[in-house]
Amino acid sequence: MAAAQHAAALPRVAARHVPWTLLAALALLAAVSLGLLQVLQSSRTASAGYALRELERERDALAAEVRLLEADVAAQARTDQVRRIAIERLGMVQPARTVRVTVPERAPAGIAMPGRYVVRPEPTPALEVAWWEALLRRLPGFD
């Protein structure tokens, strides 16, 4: 009986229930947050796309400018135009006499290039053959 009186004297702890409105509000808040994150991500993607498109336009404009400059260089490389520019702009004149020098050595087979322009391939190490590959090579038909 003492245990029953002691149990009756303890305050009853009521089970706490979460109201449905709080759960609905949390779900709505989560949905809005996800929507905002998606909008922010789409906005960043669009901004990156616009920047990329602008860089592509700039690259194309620079490539066109390079082609124009190459055409200008090619046009100025003509011998008659080079001669005219040399005489008019630089004040050069035709030589009074021409000297020819004969060299008894033969011309080299190839044009020597400075070392910084020569691309030398990296030596590749020999691959080790596995024991089973060596065994298969000894068998007829597995060369």
N, C-alpha and C. Protein backbone atom coordinates (compact mmCIF):
# COMPACT_ATOMS: atom_id res chain seq x y z
N MET A 1 0.80 -1.17 0.00
CA MET A 1 0.00 0.00 0.00
C MET A 1 0.85 1.25 0.00
N ALA A 2 1.97 1.19 0.64
CA ALA A 2 2.85 2.35 0.68
C ALA A 2 3.34 2.67 -0.72
N ALA A 3 3.56 1.66 -1.51
CA ALA A 3 4.04 1.88 -2.87
C ALA A 3 2.95 2.52 -3.70
N ALA A 4 1.69 2.14 -3.44
CA ALA A 4 0.58 2.72 -4.21
C ALA A 4 0.39 4.17 -3.84
N GLN A 5 0.56 4.48 -2.52
CA GLN A 5 0.43 5.89 -2.11
C GLN A 5 1.60 6.71 -2.65
N HIS A 6 2.76 6.11 -2.68
CA HIS A 6 3.93 6.81 -3.19
C HIS A 6 3.77 7.09 -4.68
N ALA A 7 3.23 6.13 -5.43
CA ALA A 7 3.02 6.30 -6.86
C ALA A 7 1.95 7.34 -7.12
N ALA A 8 0.95 7.40 -6.26
CA ALA A 8 -0.12 8.38 -6.43
C ALA A 8 0.39 9.78 -6.12
N ALA A 9 1.38 9.87 -5.23
CA ALA A 9 1.90 11.18 -4.85
C ALA A 9 2.78 11.77 -5.93
N LEU A 10 3.34 10.95 -6.80
CA LEU A 10 4.20 11.46 -7.88
C LEU A 10 3.34 12.17 -8.92
N PRO A 11 3.82 13.27 -9.44
CA PRO A 11 3.04 13.95 -10.47
C PRO A 11 3.06 13.14 -11.75
N ARG A 12 2.00 13.16 -12.43
CA ARG A 12 1.91 12.41 -13.68
C ARG A 12 2.62 13.19 -14.80
N VAL A 13 3.46 12.49 -15.52
CA VAL A 13 4.15 13.09 -16.66
C VAL A 13 3.30 12.81 -17.88
N ALA A 14 2.82 13.85 -18.44
CA ALA A 14 1.96 13.70 -19.61
C ALA A 14 2.83 13.50 -20.84
N ALA A 15 2.39 12.62 -21.69
CA ALA A 15 3.11 12.41 -22.95
C ALA A 15 2.99 13.67 -23.80
N ARG A 16 4.14 14.15 -24.30
CA ARG A 16 4.13 15.39 -25.09
C ARG A 16 3.94 15.04 -26.54
N HIS A 17 3.00 15.65 -27.12
CA HIS A 17 2.74 15.46 -28.54
C HIS A 17 3.14 16.72 -29.27
N VAL A 18 3.79 16.55 -30.43
CA VAL A 18 4.17 17.70 -31.26
C VAL A 18 2.94 18.08 -32.07
N PRO A 19 2.57 19.33 -32.02
CA PRO A 19 1.38 19.74 -32.78
C PRO A 19 1.60 19.60 -34.28
N TRP A 20 0.55 19.23 -34.98
CA TRP A 20 0.62 19.06 -36.44
C TRP A 20 0.96 20.37 -37.14
N THR A 21 0.55 21.46 -36.57
CA THR A 21 0.84 22.75 -37.19
C THR A 21 2.33 23.05 -37.16
N LEU A 22 3.03 22.64 -36.08
CA LEU A 22 4.47 22.84 -36.00
C LEU A 22 5.19 21.99 -37.04
N LEU A 23 4.75 20.73 -37.18
CA LEU A 23 5.34 19.86 -38.20
C LEU A 23 5.10 20.41 -39.60
N ALA A 24 3.91 20.91 -39.84
CA ALA A 24 3.60 21.47 -41.16
C ALA A 24 4.44 22.71 -41.42
N ALA A 25 4.62 23.53 -40.38
CA ALA A 25 5.44 24.74 -40.54
C ALA A 25 6.89 24.39 -40.83
N LEU A 26 7.43 23.37 -40.14
CA LEU A 26 8.81 22.93 -40.39
C LEU A 26 8.96 22.37 -41.80
N ALA A 27 7.98 21.59 -42.25
CA ALA A 27 8.02 21.04 -43.60
C ALA A 27 7.96 22.16 -44.64
N LEU A 28 7.12 23.14 -44.40
CA LEU A 28 7.00 24.28 -45.31
C LEU A 28 8.30 25.08 -45.34
N LEU A 29 8.92 25.27 -44.17
CA LEU A 29 10.19 25.98 -44.10
C LEU A 29 11.28 25.23 -44.85
N ALA A 30 11.31 23.91 -44.72
CA ALA A 30 12.30 23.10 -45.43
C ALA A 30 12.08 23.20 -46.95
N ALA A 31 10.82 23.16 -47.38
CA ALA A 31 10.53 23.25 -48.81
C ALA A 31 10.93 24.62 -49.36
N VAL A 32 10.64 25.67 -48.62
CA VAL A 32 11.03 27.02 -49.06
C VAL A 32 12.54 27.15 -49.11
N SER A 33 13.24 26.60 -48.12
CA SER A 33 14.71 26.66 -48.11
C SER A 33 15.29 25.94 -49.31
N LEU A 34 14.76 24.76 -49.61
CA LEU A 34 15.24 24.02 -50.79
C LEU A 34 14.96 24.79 -52.07
N GLY A 35 13.80 25.41 -52.15
CA GLY A 35 13.48 26.21 -53.33
C GLY A 35 14.43 27.38 -53.50
N LEU A 36 14.74 28.07 -52.39
CA LEU A 36 15.67 29.19 -52.46
C LEU A 36 17.07 28.73 -52.86
N LEU A 37 17.50 27.60 -52.33
CA LEU A 37 18.81 27.08 -52.72
C LEU A 37 18.85 26.74 -54.20
N GLN A 38 17.76 26.18 -54.72
CA GLN A 38 17.70 25.85 -56.13
C GLN A 38 17.73 27.11 -56.99
N VAL A 39 17.04 28.15 -56.56
CA VAL A 39 17.04 29.41 -57.30
C VAL A 39 18.44 30.03 -57.28
N LEU A 40 19.10 30.00 -56.11
CA LEU A 40 20.45 30.54 -56.02
C LEU A 40 21.42 29.77 -56.92
N GLN A 41 21.28 28.46 -56.95
CA GLN A 41 22.14 27.65 -57.79
C GLN A 41 21.88 27.95 -59.26
N SER A 42 20.63 28.08 -59.65
CA SER A 42 20.31 28.41 -61.04
C SER A 42 20.84 29.79 -61.40
N SER A 43 20.76 30.72 -60.47
CA SER A 43 21.27 32.07 -60.72
C SER A 43 22.78 32.05 -60.92
N ARG A 44 23.48 31.31 -60.09
CA ARG A 44 24.94 31.21 -60.25
C ARG A 44 25.30 30.53 -61.57
N THR A 45 24.57 29.51 -61.93
CA THR A 45 24.83 28.82 -63.19
C THR A 45 24.60 29.75 -64.37
N ALA A 46 23.53 30.54 -64.32
CA ALA A 46 23.25 31.48 -65.40
C ALA A 46 24.34 32.54 -65.48
N SER A 47 24.79 33.04 -64.33
CA SER A 47 25.86 34.04 -64.33
C SER A 47 27.15 33.47 -64.91
N ALA A 48 27.47 32.24 -64.55
CA ALA A 48 28.66 31.60 -65.10
C ALA A 48 28.51 31.41 -66.60
N GLY A 49 27.31 31.06 -67.06
CA GLY A 49 27.06 30.90 -68.49
C GLY A 49 27.24 32.21 -69.25
N TYR A 50 26.74 33.31 -68.69
CA TYR A 50 26.91 34.61 -69.33
C TYR A 50 28.38 35.00 -69.39
N ALA A 51 29.11 34.75 -68.29
CA ALA A 51 30.54 35.08 -68.28
C ALA A 51 31.29 34.23 -69.30
N LEU A 52 30.94 32.96 -69.39
CA LEU A 52 31.58 32.07 -70.35
C LEU A 52 31.30 32.53 -71.77
N ARG A 53 30.06 32.90 -72.05
CA ARG A 53 29.70 33.38 -73.39
C ARG A 53 30.48 34.66 -73.74
N GLU A 54 30.64 35.55 -72.76
CA GLU A 54 31.39 36.79 -72.99
C GLU A 54 32.86 36.48 -73.27
N LEU A 55 33.44 35.52 -72.53
CA LEU A 55 34.82 35.12 -72.78
C LEU A 55 34.98 34.47 -74.15
N GLU A 56 33.99 33.70 -74.58
CA GLU A 56 34.06 33.10 -75.91
C GLU A 56 34.01 34.17 -76.99
N ARG A 57 33.17 35.19 -76.78
CA ARG A 57 33.12 36.29 -77.75
C ARG A 57 34.46 37.01 -77.82
N GLU A 58 35.06 37.24 -76.65
CA GLU A 58 36.35 37.91 -76.62
C GLU A 58 37.42 37.05 -77.29
N ARG A 59 37.39 35.73 -77.07
CA ARG A 59 38.34 34.84 -77.72
C ARG A 59 38.19 34.88 -79.23
N ASP A 60 36.94 34.86 -79.70
CA ASP A 60 36.69 34.92 -81.14
C ASP A 60 37.17 36.24 -81.73
N ALA A 61 36.96 37.34 -81.00
CA ALA A 61 37.41 38.65 -81.50
C ALA A 61 38.94 38.69 -81.56
N LEU A 62 39.59 38.13 -80.54
CA LEU A 62 41.06 38.11 -80.55
C LEU A 62 41.59 37.19 -81.65
N ALA A 63 40.91 36.08 -81.89
CA ALA A 63 41.34 35.17 -82.97
C ALA A 63 41.20 35.87 -84.32
N ALA A 64 40.12 36.64 -84.50
CA ALA A 64 39.96 37.38 -85.75
C ALA A 64 41.04 38.44 -85.89
N GLU A 65 41.39 39.09 -84.78
CA GLU A 65 42.45 40.10 -84.83
C GLU A 65 43.79 39.45 -85.18
N VAL A 66 44.05 38.27 -84.64
CA VAL A 66 45.29 37.55 -84.95
C VAL A 66 45.33 37.21 -86.44
N ARG A 67 44.19 36.76 -86.99
CA ARG A 67 44.16 36.44 -88.43
C ARG A 67 44.41 37.69 -89.27
N LEU A 68 43.85 38.83 -88.86
CA LEU A 68 44.10 40.07 -89.59
C LEU A 68 45.57 40.46 -89.53
N LEU A 69 46.18 40.31 -88.35
CA LEU A 69 47.60 40.63 -88.22
C LEU A 69 48.47 39.68 -89.04
N GLU A 70 48.11 38.41 -89.07
CA GLU A 70 48.85 37.45 -89.90
C GLU A 70 48.75 37.81 -91.37
N ALA A 71 47.56 38.22 -91.80
CA ALA A 71 47.40 38.64 -93.19
C ALA A 71 48.22 39.89 -93.47
N ASP A 72 48.29 40.81 -92.51
CA ASP A 72 49.09 42.02 -92.67
C ASP A 72 50.57 41.67 -92.79
N VAL A 73 51.04 40.74 -91.95
CA VAL A 73 52.43 40.31 -92.01
C VAL A 73 52.71 39.63 -93.35
N ALA A 74 51.78 38.79 -93.79
CA ALA A 74 51.98 38.11 -95.08
C ALA A 74 52.00 39.12 -96.22
N ALA A 75 51.18 40.16 -96.15
CA ALA A 75 51.17 41.17 -97.20
C ALA A 75 52.46 41.97 -97.21
N GLN A 76 53.01 42.22 -96.03
CA GLN A 76 54.25 42.99 -95.98
C GLN A 76 55.47 42.15 -96.28
N ALA A 77 55.32 40.86 -96.35
CA ALA A 77 56.46 39.98 -96.61
C ALA A 77 56.77 39.85 -98.10
N ARG A 78 55.95 40.43 -98.95
CA ARG A 78 56.25 40.38 -100.39
C ARG A 78 57.53 41.16 -100.66
N THR A 79 58.38 40.61 -101.52
CA THR A 79 59.70 41.19 -101.75
C THR A 79 59.62 42.60 -102.34
N ASP A 80 58.71 42.84 -103.25
CA ASP A 80 58.64 44.18 -103.84
C ASP A 80 58.23 45.21 -102.80
N GLN A 81 57.33 44.84 -101.91
CA GLN A 81 56.89 45.78 -100.87
C GLN A 81 58.00 45.97 -99.84
N VAL A 82 58.73 44.90 -99.51
CA VAL A 82 59.85 45.01 -98.57
C VAL A 82 60.91 45.93 -99.16
N ARG A 83 61.18 45.77 -100.45
CA ARG A 83 62.18 46.61 -101.12
C ARG A 83 61.74 48.08 -101.08
N ARG A 84 60.47 48.33 -101.37
CA ARG A 84 59.96 49.70 -101.38
C ARG A 84 60.04 50.32 -99.97
N ILE A 85 59.64 49.57 -98.94
CA ILE A 85 59.72 50.07 -97.57
C ILE A 85 61.16 50.33 -97.17
N ALA A 86 62.08 49.42 -97.56
CA ALA A 86 63.49 49.59 -97.23
C ALA A 86 64.05 50.86 -97.86
N ILE A 87 63.66 51.15 -99.08
CA ILE A 87 64.18 52.34 -99.76
C ILE A 87 63.52 53.60 -99.22
N GLU A 88 62.17 53.60 -99.11
CA GLU A 88 61.46 54.81 -98.72
C GLU A 88 61.60 55.12 -97.23
N ARG A 89 61.32 54.15 -96.40
CA ARG A 89 61.25 54.41 -94.96
C ARG A 89 62.62 54.37 -94.30
N LEU A 90 63.46 53.41 -94.70
CA LEU A 90 64.74 53.22 -94.02
C LEU A 90 65.91 53.88 -94.75
N GLY A 91 65.69 54.36 -95.97
CA GLY A 91 66.74 55.06 -96.71
C GLY A 91 67.83 54.14 -97.23
N MET A 92 67.54 52.91 -97.47
CA MET A 92 68.54 51.98 -98.00
C MET A 92 68.69 52.19 -99.50
N VAL A 93 69.84 51.82 -100.03
CA VAL A 93 70.11 51.97 -101.46
C VAL A 93 70.64 50.65 -102.01
N GLN A 94 70.62 50.51 -103.33
CA GLN A 94 71.16 49.33 -103.98
C GLN A 94 72.68 49.33 -103.82
N PRO A 95 73.31 48.17 -103.61
CA PRO A 95 74.78 48.15 -103.47
C PRO A 95 75.45 48.49 -104.81
N ALA A 96 76.64 49.09 -104.74
CA ALA A 96 77.38 49.45 -105.94
C ALA A 96 77.89 48.21 -106.66
N ARG A 97 78.32 47.24 -105.92
CA ARG A 97 78.76 45.99 -106.56
C ARG A 97 78.37 44.82 -105.66
N THR A 98 78.23 43.66 -106.27
CA THR A 98 77.82 42.45 -105.56
C THR A 98 79.02 41.55 -105.40
N VAL A 99 79.21 41.00 -104.22
CA VAL A 99 80.31 40.09 -103.94
C VAL A 99 79.73 38.71 -103.71
N ARG A 100 80.27 37.73 -104.40
CA ARG A 100 79.83 36.34 -104.22
C ARG A 100 80.98 35.56 -103.59
N VAL A 101 80.63 34.77 -102.58
CA VAL A 101 81.61 33.98 -101.86
C VAL A 101 81.25 32.51 -102.05
N THR A 102 82.23 31.71 -102.46
CA THR A 102 82.02 30.28 -102.64
C THR A 102 82.53 29.56 -101.41
N VAL A 103 81.70 28.67 -100.87
CA VAL A 103 82.07 27.90 -99.69
C VAL A 103 82.29 26.46 -100.13
N PRO A 104 83.46 25.90 -99.84
CA PRO A 104 83.76 24.54 -100.31
C PRO A 104 83.02 23.45 -99.54
N GLU A 105 82.42 23.74 -98.43
CA GLU A 105 81.73 22.74 -97.61
C GLU A 105 80.32 22.49 -98.15
N ARG A 106 79.85 21.27 -97.97
CA ARG A 106 78.49 20.94 -98.37
C ARG A 106 77.49 21.49 -97.35
N ALA A 107 76.30 21.74 -97.79
CA ALA A 107 75.24 22.22 -96.89
C ALA A 107 74.80 21.09 -95.98
N PRO A 108 74.42 21.39 -94.77
CA PRO A 108 73.96 20.32 -93.87
C PRO A 108 72.65 19.71 -94.37
N ALA A 109 72.43 18.46 -93.98
CA ALA A 109 71.22 17.76 -94.42
C ALA A 109 69.96 18.39 -93.84
N GLY A 110 70.04 18.86 -92.64
CA GLY A 110 68.88 19.49 -91.99
C GLY A 110 69.28 20.82 -91.40
N ILE A 111 68.31 21.62 -91.12
CA ILE A 111 68.58 22.91 -90.52
C ILE A 111 68.74 22.72 -89.02
N ALA A 112 69.85 23.19 -88.50
CA ALA A 112 70.09 23.07 -87.06
C ALA A 112 69.21 24.07 -86.33
N MET A 113 68.56 23.59 -85.29
CA MET A 113 67.68 24.45 -84.50
C MET A 113 68.27 24.60 -83.11
N PRO A 114 68.02 25.74 -82.46
CA PRO A 114 68.46 25.87 -81.07
C PRO A 114 67.78 24.82 -80.20
N GLY A 115 68.49 24.41 -79.16
CA GLY A 115 68.00 23.34 -78.29
C GLY A 115 66.66 23.64 -77.64
N ARG A 116 66.36 24.92 -77.38
CA ARG A 116 65.11 25.23 -76.71
C ARG A 116 63.89 24.99 -77.58
N TYR A 117 64.09 24.88 -78.91
CA TYR A 117 62.97 24.64 -79.82
C TYR A 117 62.80 23.17 -80.16
N VAL A 118 63.76 22.34 -79.80
CA VAL A 118 63.70 20.92 -80.12
C VAL A 118 62.97 20.20 -79.00
N VAL A 119 61.96 19.45 -79.36
CA VAL A 119 61.20 18.68 -78.37
C VAL A 119 61.74 17.26 -78.40
N ARG A 120 62.34 16.87 -77.30
CA ARG A 120 62.87 15.51 -77.20
C ARG A 120 61.88 14.66 -76.42
N PRO A 121 61.49 13.53 -76.97
CA PRO A 121 60.53 12.68 -76.25
C PRO A 121 61.17 12.08 -75.00
N GLU A 122 60.36 11.93 -73.98
CA GLU A 122 60.82 11.32 -72.73
C GLU A 122 61.06 9.83 -72.97
N PRO A 123 62.18 9.30 -72.50
CA PRO A 123 62.39 7.86 -72.66
C PRO A 123 61.40 7.08 -71.81
N THR A 124 60.79 6.10 -72.43
CA THR A 124 59.82 5.29 -71.70
C THR A 124 60.53 4.05 -71.16
N PRO A 125 60.32 3.74 -69.90
CA PRO A 125 60.98 2.55 -69.34
C PRO A 125 60.38 1.28 -69.95
N ALA A 126 61.24 0.28 -70.08
CA ALA A 126 60.78 -0.99 -70.63
C ALA A 126 59.80 -1.63 -69.65
N LEU A 127 58.69 -2.11 -70.18
CA LEU A 127 57.69 -2.74 -69.34
C LEU A 127 58.14 -4.15 -68.97
N GLU A 128 57.96 -4.47 -67.71
CA GLU A 128 58.30 -5.82 -67.26
C GLU A 128 57.20 -6.78 -67.68
N VAL A 129 57.62 -7.93 -68.14
CA VAL A 129 56.67 -8.94 -68.59
C VAL A 129 56.34 -9.83 -67.40
N ALA A 130 55.05 -10.02 -67.15
CA ALA A 130 54.61 -10.88 -66.06
C ALA A 130 54.98 -12.33 -66.37
N TRP A 131 55.07 -13.14 -65.34
CA TRP A 131 55.48 -14.54 -65.52
C TRP A 131 54.49 -15.30 -66.38
N TRP A 132 53.20 -14.98 -66.25
CA TRP A 132 52.19 -15.70 -67.00
C TRP A 132 52.20 -15.28 -68.47
N GLU A 133 52.62 -14.01 -68.77
CA GLU A 133 52.74 -13.60 -70.17
C GLU A 133 53.89 -14.32 -70.84
N ALA A 134 55.01 -14.47 -70.11
CA ALA A 134 56.16 -15.21 -70.65
C ALA A 134 55.77 -16.66 -70.92
N LEU A 135 54.98 -17.24 -70.04
CA LEU A 135 54.52 -18.62 -70.22
C LEU A 135 53.62 -18.73 -71.45
N LEU A 136 52.70 -17.78 -71.62
CA LEU A 136 51.80 -17.80 -72.78
C LEU A 136 52.56 -17.61 -74.08
N ARG A 137 53.63 -16.83 -74.07
CA ARG A 137 54.41 -16.62 -75.30
C ARG A 137 55.15 -17.88 -75.73
N ARG A 138 55.45 -18.73 -74.79
CA ARG A 138 56.13 -19.98 -75.14
C ARG A 138 55.19 -21.01 -75.75
N LEU A 139 53.91 -20.88 -75.46
CA LEU A 139 52.94 -21.82 -76.01
C LEU A 139 52.62 -21.45 -77.46
N PRO A 140 52.49 -22.43 -78.33
CA PRO A 140 52.18 -22.13 -79.73
C PRO A 140 50.77 -21.53 -79.87
N GLY A 141 50.67 -20.50 -80.70
CA GLY A 141 49.39 -19.86 -80.93
C GLY A 141 49.10 -18.67 -80.04
N PHE A 142 49.92 -18.46 -79.02
CA PHE A 142 49.73 -17.33 -78.10
C PHE A 142 50.84 -16.30 -78.24
N ASP A 143 51.37 -16.12 -79.42
CA ASP A 143 52.49 -15.18 -79.62
C ASP A 143 52.08 -13.78 -79.32
